[in-house]
Amino acid sequence: MDFRRLIERAREHSVVRPKSVGQRLATGQQPTALFVTCADSRIVTSAITGAEPGTLFELRTAGNVIPEYRLETPSSEMATIEFAVVQLGVSEVIVCGHSHCGAVSALHGTDIEHLPTMRSWLSRNAKRGATAVDPALRDEGKQHVLEQLRTLENYPFVQERVLSGDLRVHGWFYDIETGEVMTSVAAAFQPL
């Protein structure tokens, strides 16, 4: 889709969207889930989940990386997670990784010297792994999701709500080639 088409769609949006939708959304948000995924343009959460406006609170980061909880060095990611879990009271958190991920590729040996900010972000917030064997990075991407879940589960307000039974945390993996979505169960992935 070229940029002109994006502009046309933006102009049409207020005309084609029912007014009742806008009125409902203007009263506030009550999303069911926080959906943490990669900023990759091939990941379209509403297409994958069928979510309507107002049902998912989204956090998109390079490689769906969740930084360690350090109150002395807050980040946008930490603030977004806190807002979703504490203020909005979401009952589900989904961390969704994907195949063919550039950030995961960088963590497994792809040279990103020309991307100093990305290199620094990843070195501070994610674990490097062995050189990848599968060019689609499926196994590496799934392990990366599990690492992000472990990091997320160390956020004190996430721990508190999980222990009280008010919050569930899920790991998903989206295969770009097949469209299949898998979920983590006992550190392994199976189709949803």
Protein backbone atom coordinates (compact mmCIF):
# COMPACT_ATOMS: atom_id res chain seq x y z
CA MET A 1 0.00 0.00 0.00
CA ASP A 2 1.53 3.29 -0.97
CA PHE A 3 1.43 6.41 1.19
CA ARG A 4 -1.30 8.08 -0.91
CA ARG A 5 -3.63 5.18 -0.15
CA LEU A 6 -2.90 5.56 3.57
CA ILE A 7 -3.95 9.21 3.34
CA GLU A 8 -7.15 8.29 1.47
CA ARG A 9 -8.05 5.69 4.11
CA ALA A 10 -7.41 8.19 6.90
CA ARG A 11 -9.72 10.70 5.23
CA GLU A 12 -12.44 8.05 4.79
CA HIS A 13 -12.16 6.72 8.33
CA SER A 14 -14.51 9.19 10.02
CA VAL A 15 -17.08 8.69 7.28
CA VAL A 16 -17.16 4.88 7.26
CA ARG A 17 -16.85 4.27 11.01
CA PRO A 18 -20.24 4.25 12.71
CA LYS A 19 -20.68 7.25 15.02
CA SER A 20 -21.76 4.91 17.83
CA VAL A 21 -18.29 3.32 17.81
CA GLY A 22 -16.61 6.67 18.33
CA GLN A 23 -19.06 7.60 21.08
CA ARG A 24 -18.41 4.30 22.89
CA LEU A 25 -14.64 4.65 22.57
CA ALA A 26 -14.71 8.27 23.77
CA THR A 27 -16.09 7.19 27.16
CA GLY A 28 -12.79 5.48 28.04
CA GLN A 29 -10.98 2.26 27.49
CA GLN A 30 -11.44 -1.11 29.13
CA PRO A 31 -9.18 -3.50 27.25
CA THR A 32 -9.18 -7.16 28.17
CA ALA A 33 -5.53 -7.75 27.36
CA LEU A 34 -2.15 -6.13 27.04
CA PHE A 35 -0.62 -7.40 23.79
CA VAL A 36 3.18 -7.04 23.70
CA THR A 37 4.65 -7.69 20.29
CA CYS A 38 7.34 -6.62 17.88
CA ALA A 39 7.20 -3.37 15.95
CA ASP A 40 7.57 -5.44 12.74
CA SER A 41 5.12 -4.21 10.09
CA ARG A 42 4.10 -7.78 9.25
CA ILE A 43 2.52 -8.24 12.68
CA VAL A 44 -1.03 -6.85 12.62
CA THR A 45 -2.59 -7.70 15.96
CA SER A 46 -6.17 -6.98 14.95
CA ALA A 47 -5.79 -9.23 11.89
CA ILE A 48 -4.28 -12.03 13.98
CA THR A 49 -6.77 -11.80 16.86
CA GLY A 50 -9.85 -10.21 15.30
CA ALA A 51 -9.79 -7.66 18.12
CA GLU A 52 -12.14 -4.70 17.88
CA PRO A 53 -11.01 -1.18 18.83
CA GLY A 54 -10.72 -0.84 22.60
CA THR A 55 -10.15 -4.53 23.38
CA LEU A 56 -6.33 -4.73 23.19
CA PHE A 57 -3.83 -2.37 24.80
CA GLU A 58 -0.77 -2.73 22.59
CA LEU A 59 2.91 -2.37 23.32
CA ARG A 60 5.17 -2.71 20.32
CA THR A 61 8.91 -2.84 20.88
CA ALA A 62 11.92 -3.86 18.85
CA GLY A 63 11.83 -7.65 19.08
CA ASN A 64 8.99 -7.59 21.65
CA VAL A 65 11.71 -6.97 24.22
CA ILE A 66 10.58 -6.34 27.78
CA PRO A 67 13.29 -4.60 29.80
CA GLU A 68 14.04 -5.64 33.36
CA TYR A 69 12.00 -3.80 35.97
CA ARG A 70 14.27 -1.08 37.36
CA LEU A 71 12.40 1.83 38.89
CA GLU A 72 15.61 3.90 38.95
CA THR A 73 15.81 3.66 35.13
CA PRO A 74 12.21 3.71 33.90
CA SER A 75 11.39 3.14 30.26
CA SER A 76 8.38 3.63 28.03
CA GLU A 77 7.91 -0.14 27.98
CA MET A 78 7.84 -0.34 31.79
CA ALA A 79 5.39 2.57 31.99
CA THR A 80 3.08 1.01 29.39
CA ILE A 81 3.03 -2.33 31.17
CA GLU A 82 2.37 -0.64 34.52
CA PHE A 83 -0.48 1.45 33.07
CA ALA A 84 -2.13 -1.60 31.49
CA VAL A 85 -1.80 -3.85 34.52
CA VAL A 86 -2.33 -1.37 37.38
CA GLN A 87 -4.49 1.42 35.95
CA LEU A 88 -6.52 -0.39 33.31
CA GLY A 89 -6.58 -3.70 35.19
CA VAL A 90 -6.20 -5.96 32.17
CA SER A 91 -6.80 -9.60 33.03
CA GLU A 92 -4.48 -11.05 30.37
CA VAL A 93 -1.00 -10.22 29.09
CA ILE A 94 0.16 -11.77 25.83
CA VAL A 95 3.80 -11.58 24.77
CA CYS A 96 3.86 -12.44 21.07
CA GLY A 97 7.05 -13.12 19.19
CA HIS A 98 7.34 -14.11 15.54
CA SER A 99 9.42 -15.88 12.94
CA HIS A 100 11.86 -13.93 10.76
CA CYS A 101 12.43 -11.34 13.52
CA GLY A 102 15.25 -8.89 12.86
CA ALA A 103 15.93 -8.29 16.56
CA VAL A 104 16.12 -12.02 17.30
CA SER A 105 18.40 -12.37 14.27
CA ALA A 106 20.68 -9.69 15.71
CA LEU A 107 20.75 -11.53 19.05
CA HIS A 108 21.90 -14.64 17.18
CA GLY A 109 24.72 -13.19 15.15
CA THR A 110 23.41 -10.88 12.41
CA ASP A 111 25.61 -7.80 12.17
CA ILE A 112 23.85 -4.56 13.15
CA GLU A 113 26.87 -2.30 13.52
CA HIS A 114 25.07 0.22 11.28
CA LEU A 115 22.24 0.39 13.89
CA PRO A 116 23.99 1.65 17.04
CA THR A 117 20.79 2.47 18.92
CA MET A 118 19.30 -0.95 18.23
CA ARG A 119 22.58 -2.64 19.14
CA SER A 120 22.70 -0.75 22.45
CA TRP A 121 19.01 -1.41 23.23
CA LEU A 122 19.36 -5.13 22.63
CA SER A 123 22.64 -5.43 24.54
CA ARG A 124 21.04 -3.78 27.59
CA ASN A 125 17.71 -5.59 27.48
CA ALA A 126 17.99 -9.02 25.86
CA LYS A 127 20.22 -12.10 25.96
CA ARG A 128 22.47 -12.99 23.07
CA GLY A 129 22.26 -16.55 21.81
CA ALA A 130 24.25 -18.93 19.68
CA THR A 131 24.39 -18.44 15.93
CA ALA A 132 21.02 -19.32 14.42
CA VAL A 133 20.64 -22.39 12.22
CA ASP A 134 17.08 -21.84 10.93
CA PRO A 135 16.82 -18.68 8.79
CA ALA A 136 13.20 -18.29 9.95
CA LEU A 137 14.43 -18.19 13.58
CA ARG A 138 11.48 -20.20 14.86
CA ASP A 139 13.19 -21.96 17.77
CA GLU A 140 15.21 -18.85 18.63
CA GLY A 141 12.07 -16.70 18.51
CA LYS A 142 10.16 -19.06 20.80
CA GLN A 143 13.01 -19.08 23.32
CA HIS A 144 13.10 -15.30 23.12
CA VAL A 145 9.38 -15.15 24.02
CA LEU A 146 10.02 -17.36 27.06
CA GLU A 147 12.85 -15.06 28.17
CA GLN A 148 10.56 -12.03 27.88
CA LEU A 149 7.90 -13.82 29.94
CA ARG A 150 10.44 -14.49 32.69
CA THR A 151 11.41 -10.83 32.69
CA LEU A 152 7.77 -9.70 32.79
CA GLU A 153 6.95 -12.05 35.64
CA ASN A 154 9.57 -10.25 37.77
CA TYR A 155 7.64 -6.95 37.62
CA PRO A 156 6.29 -6.58 41.18
CA PHE A 157 2.79 -5.49 40.15
CA VAL A 158 2.60 -8.36 37.64
CA GLN A 159 3.67 -10.85 40.33
CA GLU A 160 1.07 -9.46 42.73
CA ARG A 161 -1.82 -9.72 40.28
CA VAL A 162 -0.77 -13.17 39.03
CA LEU A 163 -0.58 -14.48 42.62
CA SER A 164 -4.04 -13.05 43.39
CA GLY A 165 -5.45 -14.76 40.30
CA ASP A 166 -6.41 -11.46 38.68
CA LEU A 167 -3.88 -11.69 35.84
CA ARG A 168 -2.75 -14.42 33.47
CA VAL A 169 0.40 -14.16 31.35
CA HIS A 170 0.71 -15.95 27.99
CA GLY A 171 3.49 -16.48 25.46
CA TRP A 172 2.48 -16.61 21.81
CA PHE A 173 4.51 -17.20 18.67
CA TYR A 174 3.32 -16.12 15.24
CA ASP A 175 4.76 -17.84 12.18
CA ILE A 176 4.77 -15.25 9.40
CA GLU A 177 4.96 -17.85 6.61
CA THR A 178 2.09 -20.07 7.73
CA GLY A 179 -0.02 -17.64 9.77
CA GLU A 180 -0.09 -20.19 12.61
CA VAL A 181 -0.20 -18.90 16.17
CA MET A 182 1.24 -21.08 18.92
CA THR A 183 1.05 -20.71 22.69
CA SER A 184 3.59 -21.65 25.32
CA VAL A 185 2.68 -24.48 27.62
CA ALA A 186 5.25 -25.66 30.15
CA ALA A 187 8.14 -24.02 28.25
CA ALA A 188 7.11 -25.57 24.91
CA PHE A 189 4.86 -24.23 22.15
CA GLN A 190 1.76 -25.83 20.69
CA PRO A 191 -0.92 -24.60 18.27
CA LEU A 192 -3.59 -22.42 19.87
